[in-house]
N, C-alpha and C. Protein backbone atom coordinates (compact mmCIF):
# COMPACT_ATOMS: atom_id res chain seq x y z
N MET A 1 74.50 88.08 122.80
CA MET A 1 75.17 88.72 121.24
C MET A 1 76.72 88.69 122.10
N SER A 2 76.57 89.34 123.05
CA SER A 2 77.98 89.54 123.33
C SER A 2 78.66 88.62 124.21
N ALA A 3 78.27 87.29 125.06
CA ALA A 3 78.76 86.31 124.60
C ALA A 3 79.60 85.75 123.65
N ALA A 4 78.68 85.35 122.40
CA ALA A 4 79.47 85.50 120.80
C ALA A 4 80.46 86.67 120.81
N GLU A 5 80.34 87.31 120.79
CA GLU A 5 81.36 88.22 120.16
C GLU A 5 82.59 88.36 120.98
N GLN A 6 82.42 87.95 122.11
CA GLN A 6 83.82 87.94 123.05
C GLN A 6 84.59 86.48 122.66
N ILE A 7 83.57 85.28 122.43
CA ILE A 7 84.26 84.16 122.42
C ILE A 7 84.93 84.47 121.12
N GLY A 8 84.62 85.14 119.95
CA GLY A 8 84.75 85.39 118.36
C GLY A 8 86.04 85.78 118.96
N ARG A 9 86.50 86.81 119.16
CA ARG A 9 87.27 87.65 119.86
C ARG A 9 88.52 87.30 120.36
N TYR A 10 88.23 86.31 121.24
CA TYR A 10 89.34 85.30 121.81
C TYR A 10 90.23 84.28 120.90
N TYR A 11 89.08 83.76 120.06
CA TYR A 11 89.67 82.46 118.95
C TYR A 11 90.35 83.88 118.10
N LEU A 12 90.15 85.05 117.81
CA LEU A 12 90.63 85.63 116.52
C LEU A 12 91.90 85.77 117.14
N ASP A 13 92.09 86.74 118.43
CA ASP A 13 93.61 86.47 119.27
C ASP A 13 94.29 85.59 119.22
N HIS A 14 94.00 84.37 119.76
CA HIS A 14 94.91 83.02 119.43
C HIS A 14 94.88 82.36 118.20
N ALA A 15 93.99 82.75 117.01
CA ALA A 15 94.51 82.43 116.00
C ALA A 15 95.94 83.65 115.31
N LEU A 16 95.72 84.65 115.52
CA LEU A 16 96.62 85.18 115.10
C LEU A 16 98.12 85.06 116.22
N ALA A 17 98.02 85.14 117.30
CA ALA A 17 99.24 84.22 117.83
C ALA A 17 99.59 83.11 117.15
N VAL A 18 98.72 82.63 116.85
CA VAL A 18 99.36 81.06 116.10
C VAL A 18 100.06 81.01 115.06
N TYR A 19 99.13 82.13 114.24
CA TYR A 19 99.90 82.27 113.08
C TYR A 19 101.08 82.97 112.43
N ASP A 20 101.22 83.71 114.10
CA ASP A 20 102.80 84.34 114.59
C ASP A 20 103.56 83.59 114.96
N LEU A 21 103.73 82.86 115.78
CA LEU A 21 104.56 81.15 115.76
C LEU A 21 104.79 80.29 114.69
N MET A 22 103.50 80.42 113.66
CA MET A 22 104.29 78.98 112.79
C MET A 22 104.91 80.00 111.66
N GLY A 23 105.25 81.29 111.89
CA GLY A 23 106.18 82.51 110.94
C GLY A 23 105.42 82.53 109.72
N ARG A 24 103.94 82.10 109.66
CA ARG A 24 103.16 82.42 108.54
C ARG A 24 102.89 83.77 108.33
N SER A 25 103.06 84.49 107.25
CA SER A 25 102.54 85.81 107.17
C SER A 25 101.39 86.52 106.56
N ASP A 26 100.65 87.14 106.38
CA ASP A 26 99.30 87.79 105.48
C ASP A 26 99.46 89.08 105.12
N PRO A 27 99.79 89.82 104.05
CA PRO A 27 99.83 91.49 103.87
C PRO A 27 98.93 91.65 104.41
N ASP A 28 97.89 91.22 104.39
CA ASP A 28 96.31 92.14 104.87
C ASP A 28 96.24 91.84 106.18
N LEU A 29 96.52 90.89 107.20
CA LEU A 29 96.35 90.76 108.03
C LEU A 29 98.01 91.56 108.98
N ASP A 30 98.97 92.04 108.48
CA ASP A 30 99.94 92.57 108.97
C ASP A 30 99.44 94.22 108.55
N ASP A 31 98.83 94.27 107.68
CA ASP A 31 98.22 95.61 106.84
C ASP A 31 97.28 96.28 107.92
N ALA A 32 96.16 95.23 108.82
CA ALA A 32 95.33 95.59 109.80
C ALA A 32 95.92 95.83 111.00
N ARG A 33 96.89 94.88 111.50
CA ARG A 33 97.25 95.03 112.54
C ARG A 33 98.19 96.21 112.84
N ALA A 34 98.97 96.77 111.57
CA ALA A 34 99.72 97.91 111.71
C ALA A 34 98.15 98.84 111.71
N VAL A 35 97.45 99.39 111.22
CA VAL A 35 96.33 100.24 111.39
C VAL A 35 95.57 99.83 113.11
N LEU A 36 95.38 98.49 113.56
CA LEU A 36 94.90 98.58 114.57
C LEU A 36 95.68 99.51 115.61
N ASP A 37 96.96 98.74 115.28
CA ASP A 37 98.04 99.61 116.49
C ASP A 37 97.94 101.45 116.14
N TRP A 38 97.62 102.01 115.05
CA TRP A 38 97.73 102.90 114.75
C TRP A 38 96.57 103.77 115.78
N ILE A 39 95.50 102.77 115.82
CA ILE A 39 94.13 103.56 116.55
C ILE A 39 94.20 103.43 118.16
N ARG A 40 95.52 102.22 118.73
CA ARG A 40 95.11 101.96 119.75
C ARG A 40 96.38 102.87 120.17
N LYS A 41 97.54 103.45 119.58
CA LYS A 41 98.59 104.62 119.75
C LYS A 41 97.84 105.38 120.19
N HIS A 42 96.63 106.14 119.50
CA HIS A 42 96.47 107.19 119.34
C HIS A 42 94.51 107.77 119.78
N GLY A 43 94.22 106.22 120.31
CA GLY A 43 93.14 106.53 120.91
C GLY A 43 91.98 107.05 120.45
N HIS A 44 92.00 106.78 119.35
CA HIS A 44 90.75 106.98 117.88
C HIS A 44 89.35 106.59 118.64
N SER A 45 88.73 107.62 118.37
CA SER A 45 87.05 106.61 118.77
C SER A 45 86.67 106.85 117.50
N THR A 46 86.64 107.80 116.59
CA THR A 46 86.26 107.75 115.32
C THR A 46 87.67 108.11 113.72
N PHE A 47 87.43 107.99 113.08
CA PHE A 47 88.62 108.18 112.08
C PHE A 47 88.17 108.69 110.51
N SER A 48 88.74 109.11 109.38
CA SER A 48 88.22 108.56 108.62
C SER A 48 89.56 108.11 107.54
N ARG A 49 89.21 107.72 105.91
CA ARG A 49 89.63 106.70 105.68
C ARG A 49 91.04 107.98 105.56
N ARG A 50 91.23 108.66 105.25
CA ARG A 50 92.14 109.90 104.93
C ARG A 50 93.31 109.92 106.20
N ASP A 51 92.96 110.25 107.51
CA ASP A 51 93.22 110.10 108.72
C ASP A 51 94.49 108.53 108.58
N ALA A 52 93.71 107.62 108.25
CA ALA A 52 94.10 106.38 108.45
C ALA A 52 95.38 106.08 107.62
N LEU A 53 94.98 107.02 106.10
CA LEU A 53 96.13 106.70 105.43
C LEU A 53 97.44 107.62 105.76
N ARG A 54 97.33 108.80 105.96
CA ARG A 54 97.93 109.73 107.03
C ARG A 54 98.86 109.32 107.94
N GLY A 55 97.92 108.94 109.06
CA GLY A 55 98.44 108.44 109.78
C GLY A 55 99.14 106.67 109.73
N ASN A 56 99.66 106.46 108.12
CA ASN A 56 100.15 105.35 108.53
C ASN A 56 101.29 105.28 107.08
N ARG A 57 101.26 106.41 106.96
CA ARG A 57 102.21 107.01 105.69
C ARG A 57 103.46 106.21 105.72
N GLY A 58 103.71 105.60 104.47
CA GLY A 58 104.88 104.94 104.61
C GLY A 58 104.53 103.42 104.20
N ARG A 59 103.20 103.14 104.47
CA ARG A 59 102.62 101.59 104.64
C ARG A 59 101.79 101.35 103.21
N PHE A 60 101.14 102.27 102.96
CA PHE A 60 100.10 102.56 102.46
C PHE A 60 100.66 103.65 100.99
N ALA A 61 100.60 103.01 100.07
CA ALA A 61 100.69 104.56 99.01
C ALA A 61 99.44 105.45 99.00
N THR A 62 98.57 104.37 98.33
CA THR A 62 97.05 105.09 98.18
C THR A 62 95.98 104.23 99.04
N ALA A 63 94.62 104.97 99.48
CA ALA A 63 93.55 104.91 99.94
C ALA A 63 93.26 103.55 99.36
N LYS A 64 93.59 102.94 98.08
CA LYS A 64 92.76 101.54 97.47
C LYS A 64 93.97 100.86 98.47
N ASP A 65 94.91 100.66 98.52
CA ASP A 65 95.92 99.63 99.59
C ASP A 65 95.68 99.61 100.93
N LEU A 66 94.92 100.43 101.36
CA LEU A 66 94.42 100.93 102.50
C LEU A 66 92.84 99.81 103.05
N THR A 67 92.21 100.06 101.63
CA THR A 67 91.06 99.02 101.91
C THR A 67 91.11 97.11 102.36
N PRO A 68 92.03 96.93 102.04
CA PRO A 68 91.77 95.10 102.74
C PRO A 68 91.96 95.31 104.00
N ALA A 69 92.84 95.97 104.99
CA ALA A 69 92.87 96.19 106.04
C ALA A 69 91.76 97.16 106.56
N LEU A 70 91.35 98.10 106.29
CA LEU A 70 90.01 98.67 107.09
C LEU A 70 88.70 97.48 106.64
N GLU A 71 88.85 96.58 105.76
CA GLU A 71 87.23 95.56 105.48
C GLU A 71 87.86 94.86 106.58
N LEU A 72 89.16 94.09 106.67
CA LEU A 72 89.65 92.89 107.52
C LEU A 72 88.71 93.38 109.04
N LEU A 73 89.91 94.68 109.22
CA LEU A 73 89.16 95.23 110.44
C LEU A 73 87.34 95.17 111.03
N THR A 74 86.98 95.80 109.70
CA THR A 74 85.38 95.96 109.84
C THR A 74 84.78 94.58 110.04
N ASP A 75 85.34 93.60 109.54
CA ASP A 75 84.64 92.27 109.36
C ASP A 75 84.76 91.14 110.88
N HIS A 76 86.09 92.12 111.81
CA HIS A 76 86.17 91.15 112.96
C HIS A 76 85.39 92.22 113.52
N GLY A 77 84.86 93.28 113.45
CA GLY A 77 84.26 94.07 114.51
C GLY A 77 85.19 95.32 114.95
N HIS A 78 86.30 95.54 114.67
CA HIS A 78 87.21 96.36 115.40
C HIS A 78 86.63 97.66 115.04
N ILE A 79 86.51 97.60 113.98
CA ILE A 79 85.66 98.92 113.42
C ILE A 79 83.92 98.95 112.56
N ARG A 80 83.64 99.63 112.25
CA ARG A 80 82.28 99.80 111.16
C ARG A 80 82.22 100.91 110.51
N PRO A 81 81.62 101.54 109.39
CA PRO A 81 81.70 102.21 108.80
C PRO A 81 80.72 103.36 109.26
N LYS A 82 80.72 104.72 109.58
CA LYS A 82 79.56 105.65 109.41
C LYS A 82 78.97 106.09 107.94
N PRO A 83 77.69 106.28 108.14
CA PRO A 83 76.81 107.27 106.93
C PRO A 83 78.20 108.12 106.39
N ALA A 84 78.02 107.80 104.83
CA ALA A 84 78.91 109.52 104.22
C ALA A 84 78.62 110.46 105.09
N THR A 85 79.09 111.51 104.89
CA THR A 85 78.60 113.14 104.84
C THR A 85 79.60 113.98 103.89
N THR A 86 78.56 115.03 103.22
CA THR A 86 79.40 116.18 102.63
C THR A 86 79.36 116.61 103.91
N GLY A 87 81.13 117.51 103.57
CA GLY A 87 81.42 118.56 104.46
C GLY A 87 80.49 120.18 104.32
N SER A 88 81.28 121.00 104.51
CA SER A 88 80.45 122.14 104.56
C SER A 88 80.23 122.92 103.18
N LYS A 89 82.26 122.40 102.16
CA LYS A 89 82.20 123.00 100.92
C LYS A 89 81.70 122.07 99.95
N GLY A 90 80.74 121.04 100.63
CA GLY A 90 80.20 120.14 99.70
C GLY A 90 81.54 119.11 99.21
N GLY A 91 81.80 118.51 97.66
CA GLY A 91 82.65 117.53 97.52
C GLY A 91 82.15 116.17 97.90
N ARG A 92 83.30 115.35 97.57
CA ARG A 92 83.18 113.97 97.70
C ARG A 92 83.38 113.59 99.20
N PRO A 93 82.44 113.11 99.68
CA PRO A 93 82.37 112.87 101.49
C PRO A 93 83.50 111.74 101.79
N SER A 94 84.18 111.82 102.86
CA SER A 94 85.48 111.03 103.31
C SER A 94 84.54 109.93 104.35
N MET A 95 85.21 108.66 104.14
CA MET A 95 84.15 107.68 104.48
C MET A 95 85.29 107.82 106.12
N THR A 96 84.23 108.03 106.82
CA THR A 96 84.72 107.31 108.26
C THR A 96 84.16 106.11 109.24
N TYR A 97 84.76 106.48 109.99
CA TYR A 97 84.59 104.70 110.88
C TYR A 97 84.84 105.03 112.00
N GLU A 98 83.85 104.21 113.09
CA GLU A 98 83.88 104.59 114.18
C GLU A 98 84.69 103.09 115.03
N VAL A 99 85.05 103.33 116.10
CA VAL A 99 86.17 102.49 116.61
C VAL A 99 85.12 101.66 117.75
N HIS A 100 85.10 100.41 118.00
CA HIS A 100 84.42 99.39 119.26
C HIS A 100 85.52 99.91 120.26
N PRO A 101 85.16 100.56 121.46
CA PRO A 101 85.44 100.64 122.24
C PRO A 101 86.77 99.68 122.80
N SER A 102 86.09 98.11 122.95
CA SER A 102 87.41 97.27 123.54
C SER A 102 88.51 97.28 122.21
N ALA A 103 88.45 97.88 120.87
CA ALA A 103 89.89 97.64 119.50
C ALA A 103 90.85 98.98 120.18
N ARG A 104 89.60 99.69 120.77
CA ARG A 104 90.96 101.25 121.21
C ARG A 104 92.05 100.32 122.81
N LYS A 105 91.79 99.51 122.91
CA LYS A 105 92.51 98.81 124.41
C LYS A 105 93.63 97.85 123.96
N ASP A 106 94.76 97.99 124.10
CA ASP A 106 95.88 96.97 124.13
C ASP A 106 95.34 95.74 124.84
N ARG A 107 95.89 94.54 124.67
CA ARG A 107 94.94 93.30 125.28
C ARG A 107 96.37 93.25 125.98
């Protein structure tokens, strides 16, 4: 599994570089890059959806706007959702994510 993951990351990085060179841009991909840059800048090992929204203020107006970027990062194995838990005061649980250790490092 580890070898397959390494190959996948290798091709993903190269695909991103090719898209950059071609001048093509995908808004969801750009948003995912911004969130990944924020994760790397702050060295997060876990974060909540609210943390990501606040940390990328100005790029995303609502949590719904952030969803495609988080889904893309999840699909590519950079992050994974944690089981939802409610806080000590109850209320709606905040979605939290774990960051893959390799995603916390600049390449």
